[in-house]
C-alpha atoms as a PDB file:
ATOM      1  CA  MET A   1     126.146 115.440 125.868  1.00  0.00           C
ATOM      2  CA  PRO A   2     127.353 113.431 122.833  1.00  0.00           C
ATOM      3  CA  MET A   3     124.736 112.383 120.299  1.00  0.00           C
ATOM      4  CA  PRO A   4     123.859 108.639 120.417  1.00  0.00           C
ATOM      5  CA  ILE A   5     125.228 106.417 117.669  1.00  0.00           C
ATOM      6  CA  TYR A   6     122.901 104.040 115.815  1.00  0.00           C
ATOM      7  CA  LYS A   7     124.376 100.746 114.641  1.00  0.00           C
ATOM      8  CA  ILE A   8     122.910  99.212 111.488  1.00  0.00           C
ATOM      9  CA  ARG A   9     123.710  95.885 109.884  1.00  0.00           C
ATOM     10  CA  LEU A  10     121.990  93.741 107.294  1.00  0.00           C
ATOM     11  CA  ARG A  11     121.972  90.543 105.308  1.00  0.00           C
ATOM     12  CA  VAL A  12     120.390  89.651 102.004  1.00  0.00           C
ATOM     13  CA  MET A  13     118.363  86.679 100.780  1.00  0.00           C
ATOM     14  CA  ARG A  14     117.604  85.684  97.215  1.00  0.00           C
ATOM     15  CA  ASP A  15     114.143  84.255  96.547  1.00  0.00           C
ATOM     16  CA  GLY A  16     113.729  83.365 100.205  1.00  0.00           C
ATOM     17  CA  GLU A  17     117.110  81.668 100.664  1.00  0.00           C
ATOM     18  CA  TYR A  18     120.580  82.710 101.730  1.00  0.00           C
ATOM     19  CA  THR A  19     122.877  82.120  98.765  1.00  0.00           C
ATOM     20  CA  ALA A  20     126.648  82.286  98.390  1.00  0.00           C
ATOM     21  CA  ASP A  21     126.621  84.736  95.480  1.00  0.00           C
ATOM     22  CA  ALA A  22     127.732  88.287  96.210  1.00  0.00           C
ATOM     23  CA  LYS A  23     125.229  91.076  96.832  1.00  0.00           C
ATOM     24  CA  ARG A  24     125.851  94.789  97.108  1.00  0.00           C
ATOM     25  CA  VAL A  25     123.681  97.006  99.287  1.00  0.00           C
ATOM     26  CA  ARG A  26     123.644 100.783  99.389  1.00  0.00           C
ATOM     27  CA  LEU A  27     122.003 103.166 101.832  1.00  0.00           C
ATOM     28  CA  TYR A  28     120.838 106.513 100.456  1.00  0.00           C
ATOM     29  CA  ARG A  29     119.241 109.498 102.128  1.00  0.00           C
ATOM     30  CA  GLY A  30     116.153 109.079  99.965  1.00  0.00           C
ATOM     31  CA  TYR A  31     114.864 108.560  96.437  1.00  0.00           C
ATOM     32  CA  GLU A  32     115.007 112.213  95.439  1.00  0.00           C
ATOM     33  CA  THR A  33     118.568 112.447  96.767  1.00  0.00           C
ATOM     34  CA  ALA A  34     119.914 109.112  95.542  1.00  0.00           C
ATOM     35  CA  ASN A  35     123.181 110.830  94.701  1.00  0.00           C
ATOM     36  CA  GLN A  36     123.757 111.211  98.456  1.00  0.00           C
ATOM     37  CA  LEU A  37     125.205 107.773  99.144  1.00  0.00           C
ATOM     38  CA  CYS A  38     125.611 107.161 102.860  1.00  0.00           C
ATOM     39  CA  GLU A  39     126.896 103.583 103.156  1.00  0.00           C
ATOM     40  CA  THR A  40     127.799 100.523 101.046  1.00  0.00           C
ATOM     41  CA  TRP A  41     127.974  96.857 102.055  1.00  0.00           C
ATOM     42  CA  ASP A  42     129.106  93.735 100.192  1.00  0.00           C
ATOM     43  CA  VAL A  43     127.484  90.612 101.637  1.00  0.00           C
ATOM     44  CA  SER A  44     126.930  86.928 100.855  1.00  0.00           C
ATOM     45  CA  GLY A  45     125.449  83.856 102.512  1.00  0.00           C
ATOM     46  CA  ASP A  46     123.648  84.181 105.838  1.00  0.00           C
ATOM     47  CA  VAL A  47     126.394  86.222 107.512  1.00  0.00           C
ATOM     48  CA  TRP A  48     125.469  89.632 108.900  1.00  0.00           C
ATOM     49  CA  SER A  49     127.279  92.576 107.367  1.00  0.00           C
ATOM     50  CA  ARG A  50     129.617  94.781 109.347  1.00  0.00           C
ATOM     51  CA  TYR A  51     127.920  97.488 111.389  1.00  0.00           C
ATOM     52  CA  ALA A  52     127.502 100.962 109.976  1.00  0.00           C
ATOM     53  CA  GLU A  53     127.631 103.539 112.758  1.00  0.00           C
ATOM     54  CA  LEU A  54     125.695 106.759 112.175  1.00  0.00           C
ATOM     55  CA  ASP A  55     124.801 109.504 114.609  1.00  0.00           C
ATOM     56  CA  ALA A  56     121.174 109.712 115.715  1.00  0.00           C
ATOM     57  CA  SER A  57     120.698 113.316 114.609  1.00  0.00           C
ATOM     58  CA  THR A  58     121.530 112.341 111.034  1.00  0.00           C
ATOM     59  CA  MET A  59     119.215 109.319 111.041  1.00  0.00           C
ATOM     60  CA  LEU A  60     116.239 110.942 112.762  1.00  0.00           C
ATOM     61  CA  GLY A  61     116.549 114.240 110.967  1.00  0.00           C
ATOM     62  CA  TRP A  62     116.237 112.746 107.517  1.00  0.00           C
ATOM     63  CA  GLY A  63     113.145 110.546 107.913  1.00  0.00           C
ATOM     64  CA  ASP A  64     112.870 107.606 105.518  1.00  0.00           C
ATOM     65  CA  TRP A  65     116.067 106.171 104.053  1.00  0.00           C
ATOM     66  CA  LEU A  66     116.379 104.228 100.814  1.00  0.00           C
ATOM     67  CA  VAL A  67     118.064 100.812 100.893  1.00  0.00           C
ATOM     68  CA  ALA A  68     118.899  99.293  97.506  1.00  0.00           C
ATOM     69  CA  ALA A  69     120.282  95.773  97.077  1.00  0.00           C
ATOM     70  CA  VAL A  70     121.446  94.013  93.924  1.00  0.00           C
ATOM     71  CA  THR A  71     122.659  90.487  93.252  1.00  0.00           C
ATOM     72  CA  MET A  72     125.943  90.397  91.373  1.00  0.00           C
ATOM     73  CA  ALA A  73     125.465  86.901  89.889  1.00  0.00           C
ATOM     74  CA  SER A  74     123.422  86.337  86.736  1.00  0.00           C
ATOM     75  CA  PRO A  75     120.516  86.729  86.353  1.00  0.00           C
ATOM     76  CA  LYS A  76     120.847  89.970  88.263  1.00  0.00           C
ATOM     77  CA  GLN A  77     117.977  91.012  90.513  1.00  0.00           C
ATOM     78  CA  THR A  78     117.442  94.093  92.612  1.00  0.00           C
ATOM     79  CA  LYS A  79     115.228  95.392  95.373  1.00  0.00           C
ATOM     80  CA  ALA A  80     114.854  98.869  96.826  1.00  0.00           C
ATOM     81  CA  THR A  81     112.843  99.727  99.913  1.00  0.00           C
ATOM     82  CA  PHE A  82     112.397 102.594 102.335  1.00  0.00           C
ATOM     83  CA  VAL A  83     113.249 102.189 106.015  1.00  0.00           C
ATOM     84  CA  SER A  84     112.687 104.481 108.968  1.00  0.00           C
ATOM     85  CA  ILE A  85     115.669 104.261 111.303  1.00  0.00           C
ATOM     86  CA  ALA A  86     114.998 105.213 114.920  1.00  0.00           C
ATOM     87  CA  GLY A  87     117.553 103.055 116.722  1.00  0.00           C
ATOM     88  CA  ASP A  88     119.904 100.119 116.255  1.00  0.00           C
ATOM     89  CA  MET A  89     118.571  97.926 113.446  1.00  0.00           C
ATOM     90  CA  ASP A  90     119.101  94.494 111.923  1.00  0.00           C
ATOM     91  CA  ILE A  91     117.662  94.571 108.405  1.00  0.00           C
ATOM     92  CA  THR A  92     116.952  91.486 106.290  1.00  0.00           C
ATOM     93  CA  ILE A  93     116.262  92.077 102.601  1.00  0.00           C
ATOM     94  CA  ASP A  94     114.798  89.402 100.335  1.00  0.00           C
ATOM     95  CA  ILE A  95     115.439  90.008  96.646  1.00  0.00           C
ATOM     96  CA  THR A  96     112.717  88.119  94.790  1.00  0.00           C
ATOM     97  CA  ASP A  97     111.366  87.898  91.273  1.00  0.00           C
ATOM     98  CA  GLY A  98     107.837  88.331  92.626  1.00  0.00           C
ATOM     99  CA  SER A  99     106.766  84.760  91.858  1.00  0.00           C
ATOM    100  CA  GLY A 100     106.114  83.771  95.463  1.00  0.00           C
ATOM    101  CA  PRO A 101     106.035  84.905  99.090  1.00  0.00           C
ATOM    102  CA  ALA A 102     109.274  85.650 100.895  1.00  0.00           C
ATOM    103  CA  SER A 103     110.367  83.101 103.459  1.00  0.00           C
ATOM    104  CA  GLY A 104     112.636  83.904 106.361  1.00  0.00           C
ATOM    105  CA  ASP A 105     114.666  82.525 109.232  1.00  0.00           C
ATOM    106  CA  PRO A 106     113.067  79.841 111.433  1.00  0.00           C
ATOM    107  CA  ALA A 107     112.072  80.987 114.904  1.00  0.00           C
ATOM    108  CA  GLN A 108     109.849  80.015 117.829  1.00  0.00           C
ATOM    109  CA  VAL A 109     107.356  81.869 119.990  1.00  0.00           C
ATOM    110  CA  ALA A 110     106.070  80.531 123.313  1.00  0.00           C
ATOM    111  CA  VAL A 111     102.261  80.340 123.291  1.00  0.00           C
ATOM    112  CA  ARG A 112      99.606  79.888 125.962  1.00  0.00           C
ATOM    113  CA  MET A 113      95.950  80.299 125.024  1.00  0.00           C
ATOM    114  CA  ARG A 114      93.350  81.032 127.715  1.00  0.00           C
ATOM    115  CA  VAL A 115      89.649  81.871 127.698  1.00  0.00           C
ATOM    116  CA  ASP A 116      88.011  83.151 130.882  1.00  0.00           C
ATOM    117  CA  ALA A 117      91.243  82.342 132.783  1.00  0.00           C
ATOM    118  CA  LEU A 118      91.200  78.684 131.660  1.00  0.00           C
ATOM    119  CA  ASP A 119      93.487  76.996 129.135  1.00  0.00           C
ATOM    120  CA  ALA A 120      91.646  76.510 125.837  1.00  0.00           C
ATOM    121  CA  VAL A 121      92.461  75.299 122.340  1.00  0.00           C
ATOM    122  CA  ARG A 122      92.463  78.342 120.093  1.00  0.00           C
ATOM    123  CA  GLU A 123      94.338  79.742 117.106  1.00  0.00           C
ATOM    124  CA  ALA A 124      97.097  82.334 117.125  1.00  0.00           C
ATOM    125  CA  VAL A 125      98.317  84.182 114.048  1.00  0.00           C
ATOM    126  CA  PHE A 126     101.719  85.876 113.918  1.00  0.00           C
ATOM    127  CA  VAL A 127     102.434  88.854 111.688  1.00  0.00           C
ATOM    128  CA  GLU A 128     105.720  90.667 111.195  1.00  0.00           C
ATOM    129  CA  ARG A 129     106.220  94.374 110.601  1.00  0.00           C
ATOM    130  CA  LEU A 130     109.305  94.869 108.463  1.00  0.00           C
ATOM    131  CA  ALA A 131     111.668  97.818 108.558  1.00  0.00           C
ATOM    132  CA  ASP A 132     110.043  99.343 105.461  1.00  0.00           C
ATOM    133  CA  GLY A 133     106.638  99.449 107.189  1.00  0.00           C
ATOM    134  CA  THR A 134     105.119  96.523 105.285  1.00  0.00           C
ATOM    135  CA  TRP A 135     103.492  93.537 106.987  1.00  0.00           C
ATOM    136  CA  ARG A 136     103.807  89.824 106.288  1.00  0.00           C
ATOM    137  CA  LEU A 137     102.370  86.619 107.715  1.00  0.00           C
ATOM    138  CA  ALA A 138     105.027  84.892 109.836  1.00  0.00           C
ATOM    139  CA  GLY A 139     103.117  81.796 110.967  1.00  0.00           C
ATOM    140  CA  ALA A 140     100.194  80.340 112.892  1.00  0.00           C
ATOM    141  CA  PHE A 141      99.493  78.033 115.834  1.00  0.00           C
ATOM    142  CA  ARG A 142      96.584  75.963 117.116  1.00  0.00           C
ATOM    143  CA  GLY A 143      96.465  74.508 120.620  1.00  0.00           C
ATOM    144  CA  ASP A 144      96.335  75.588 124.249  1.00  0.00           C
ATOM    145  CA  SER A 145     100.085  75.916 124.859  1.00  0.00           C
ATOM    146  CA  GLY A 146     103.414  75.147 123.251  1.00  0.00           C
ATOM    147  CA  SER A 147     105.860  76.689 120.797  1.00  0.00           C
ATOM    148  CA  ALA A 148     104.728  78.200 117.520  1.00  0.00           C
ATOM    149  CA  GLU A 149     107.162  77.718 114.645  1.00  0.00           C
ATOM    150  CA  ILE A 150     107.339  80.839 112.499  1.00  0.00           C
ATOM    151  CA  ASP A 151     109.740  82.444 110.033  1.00  0.00           C
ATOM    152  CA  VAL A 152     110.980  86.008 110.328  1.00  0.00           C
ATOM    153  CA  LEU A 153     112.869  88.586 108.299  1.00  0.00           C
ATOM    154  CA  GLY A 154     114.238  90.667 111.160  1.00  0.00           C
ATOM    155  CA  GLY A 155     111.132  92.751 111.889  1.00  0.00           C
ATOM    156  CA  SER A 156     108.878  93.070 114.937  1.00  0.00           C
ATOM    157  CA  VAL A 157     106.464  90.174 115.511  1.00  0.00           C
ATOM    158  CA  PHE A 158     102.914  90.618 116.795  1.00  0.00           C
ATOM    159  CA  ALA A 159     100.550  87.859 117.941  1.00  0.00           C
ATOM    160  CA  LEU A 160      96.814  87.783 117.301  1.00  0.00           C
ATOM    161  CA  GLY A 161      94.686  85.397 119.384  1.00  0.00           C
ATOM    162  CA  VAL A 162      91.511  84.286 117.616  1.00  0.00           C
ATOM    163  CA  ASP A 163      88.457  82.810 119.336  1.00  0.00           C
ATOM    164  CA  ASP A 164      86.426  79.947 117.842  1.00  0.00           C
ATOM    165  CA  PHE A 165      83.785  81.621 115.639  1.00  0.00           C
ATOM    166  CA  GLY A 166      81.838  78.390 115.234  1.00  0.00           C
ATOM    167  CA  VAL A 167      79.908  77.027 112.257  1.00  0.00           C
ATOM    168  CA  ALA A 168      76.939  78.800 110.723  1.00  0.00           C
ATOM    169  CA  TYR A 169      73.505  77.430 111.602  1.00  0.00           C
ATOM    170  CA  ALA A 170      72.079  75.150 108.914  1.00  0.00           C
ATOM    171  CA  PRO A 171      68.826  73.136 109.107  1.00  0.00           C
ATOM    172  CA  GLY A 172      69.451  69.486 109.981  1.00  0.00           C
ATOM    173  CA  LEU A 173      73.194  69.960 110.493  1.00  0.00           C
ATOM    174  CA  VAL A 174      74.755  67.119 112.514  1.00  0.00           C
ATOM    175  CA  VAL A 175      76.852  68.531 115.364  1.00  0.00           C
ATOM    176  CA  GLY A 176      79.161  66.893 117.877  1.00  0.00           C
ATOM    177  CA  VAL A 177      80.070  67.778 121.441  1.00  0.00           C
ATOM    178  CA  GLY A 178      82.200  70.923 121.558  1.00  0.00           C
ATOM    179  CA  THR A 179      80.983  72.291 118.217  1.00  0.00           C
ATOM    180  CA  ARG A 180      79.981  75.937 118.342  1.00  0.00           C
ATOM    181  CA  VAL A 181      76.949  77.040 116.345  1.00  0.00           C
ATOM    182  CA  ARG A 182      76.643  80.614 115.052  1.00  0.00           C
ATOM    183  CA  PRO A 183      73.167  82.111 114.473  1.00  0.00           C
ATOM    184  CA  SER A 184      72.288  83.617 111.096  1.00  0.00           C
ATOM    185  CA  ILE A 185      72.078  87.011 112.791  1.00  0.00           C
ATOM    186  CA  PHE A 186      75.105  87.190 115.059  1.00  0.00           C
ATOM    187  CA  VAL A 187      74.823  89.433 118.126  1.00  0.00           C
ATOM    188  CA  GLY A 188      77.765  88.180 120.184  1.00  0.00           C
ATOM    189  CA  TRP A 189      76.574  84.766 121.396  1.00  0.00           C
ATOM    190  CA  LEU A 190      77.553  81.319 120.158  1.00  0.00           C
ATOM    191  CA  TYR A 191      76.063  77.986 121.213  1.00  0.00           C
ATOM    192  CA  GLU A 192      78.400  75.205 122.288  1.00  0.00           C
ATOM    193  CA  VAL A 193      77.036  71.700 121.911  1.00  0.00           C
ATOM    194  CA  THR A 194      77.030  69.611 125.103  1.00  0.00           C
ATOM    195  CA  GLN A 195      75.076  66.675 123.659  1.00  0.00           C
ATOM    196  CA  ALA A 196      75.527  65.566 120.055  1.00  0.00           C
ATOM    197  CA  GLY A 197      72.577  65.625 117.702  1.00  0.00           C
ATOM    198  CA  THR A 198      70.980  67.381 114.733  1.00  0.00           C
ATOM    199  CA  LEU A 199      70.082  71.065 114.526  1.00  0.00           C
ATOM    200  CA  PRO A 200      66.373  71.897 114.116  1.00  0.00           C
ATOM    201  CA  ALA A 201      64.778  72.400 110.698  1.00  0.00           C
ATOM    202  CA  THR A 202      63.813  75.957 111.664  1.00  0.00           C
ATOM    203  CA  GLU A 203      66.254  78.353 113.280  1.00  0.00           C
ATOM    204  CA  PRO A 204      65.324  78.654 116.965  1.00  0.00           C
ATOM    205  CA  GLU A 205      64.904  81.724 119.109  1.00  0.00           C
ATOM    206  CA  TRP A 206      68.426  82.100 120.418  1.00  0.00           C
ATOM    207  CA  TRP A 207      69.137  82.991 124.028  1.00  0.00           C
ATOM    208  CA  PRO A 208      71.877  84.751 126.046  1.00  0.00           C
ATOM    209  CA  ILE A 209      73.667  83.393 129.111  1.00  0.00           C
ATOM    210  CA  ASP A 210      71.118  83.359 131.907  1.00  0.00           C
ATOM    211  CA  GLY A 211      71.448  82.186 135.505  1.00  0.00           C
ATOM    212  CA  ASP A 212      73.423  78.947 135.750  1.00  0.00           C
ATOM    213  CA  ASN A 213      73.457  78.704 131.934  1.00  0.00           C
ATOM    214  CA  ALA A 214      72.001  75.197 131.850  1.00  0.00           C
ATOM    215  CA  PRO A 215      72.041  73.383 128.468  1.00  0.00           C
ATOM    216  CA  ARG A 216      68.943  73.866 126.329  1.00  0.00           C
ATOM    217  CA  GLN A 217      67.413  71.813 123.572  1.00  0.00           C
ATOM    218  CA  LEU A 218      68.708  72.631 120.093  1.00  0.00           C
ATOM    219  CA  GLY A 219      66.974  70.208 117.741  1.00  0.00           C
ATOM    220  CA  THR A 220      68.000  66.777 119.009  1.00  0.00           C
ATOM    221  CA  ALA A 221      71.213  68.269 120.386  1.00  0.00           C
ATOM    222  CA  ARG A 222      71.687  70.326 123.530  1.00  0.00           C
ATOM    223  CA  ALA A 223      73.851  73.433 123.869  1.00  0.00           C
ATOM    224  CA  VAL A 224      74.833  76.283 126.170  1.00  0.00           C
ATOM    225  CA  ALA A 225      75.286  79.932 125.272  1.00  0.00           C
ATOM    226  CA  VAL A 226      78.912  81.139 125.248  1.00  0.00           C
ATOM    227  CA  ARG A 227      80.457  84.515 124.570  1.00  0.00           C
ATOM    228  CA  TYR A 228      82.489  85.175 121.462  1.00  0.00           C
ATOM    229  CA  TYR A 229      85.604  87.231 122.153  1.00  0.00           C
ATOM    230  CA  ARG A 230      87.054  89.562 119.574  1.00  0.00           C
ATOM    231  CA  PRO A 231      90.620  88.857 118.416  1.00  0.00           C
ATOM    232  CA  LEU A 232      93.203  89.989 120.958  1.00  0.00           C
ATOM    233  CA  ALA A 233      96.587  91.337 119.861  1.00  0.00           C
ATOM    234  CA  HIS A 234      99.914  91.387 121.722  1.00  0.00           C
ATOM    235  CA  GLY A 235     103.296  92.650 120.719  1.00  0.00           C
ATOM    236  CA  PRO A 236     105.939  93.000 119.837  1.00  0.00           C
ATOM    237  CA  VAL A 237     106.466  89.513 121.297  1.00  0.00           C
ATOM    238  CA  PRO A 238     109.845  87.912 122.095  1.00  0.00           C
ATOM    239  CA  VAL A 239     111.099  85.552 119.402  1.00  0.00           C
ATOM    240  CA  GLU A 240     113.694  82.797 119.794  1.00  0.00           C
ATOM    241  CA  MET A 241     115.707  82.064 116.677  1.00  0.00           C
ATOM    242  CA  ILE A 242     116.165  78.364 115.902  1.00  0.00           C
END
């Protein structure tokens, strides 16, 4: 049976933007064997390079590969990074001077937030794992459903759903309906205000969900006990490029 062929292509940004100046990219078998050049690309703008086709046994057998990119226009900049190639790959490299975070290509992710099987306004955070194994923040979303606008650099995107952790209890704090109050000693319960008011001067004896979970007095406010759910991760998630 013939060995599978992996197809690899890339494009290069400069300080978070696609620029028209020429860049040269080289793929080596590793840092210690940088004399073993495997592939060279010349790229510019936001156009993907041609595909390099390499057999799977070569790619998998070597482990991490070294990708080095350099801008040809002055002032010259360079970036080298390791990638682990285990299949077809699209690699985006951002050559930066280190003065700021790398931006990427605009994209969208469909979002629906639910708590206890009901739609609920919550936050989602999106992180991207790049080909070199590093992670970056791709974007965030708040709401119950919609499209999150993120930016990506060609890696795998993971979504992290975050529950409302509430506000810390403070004597005399004014709270509105829907506010969640967090005890000084947190043991998994939060207290969602059902009637606006002011928290008591002394921290109360907190309670768990019990029976029909009727609202209880909390200073001049009233509240019910609610569970706090740990962050929930999904991914990789499908991403639609804009």
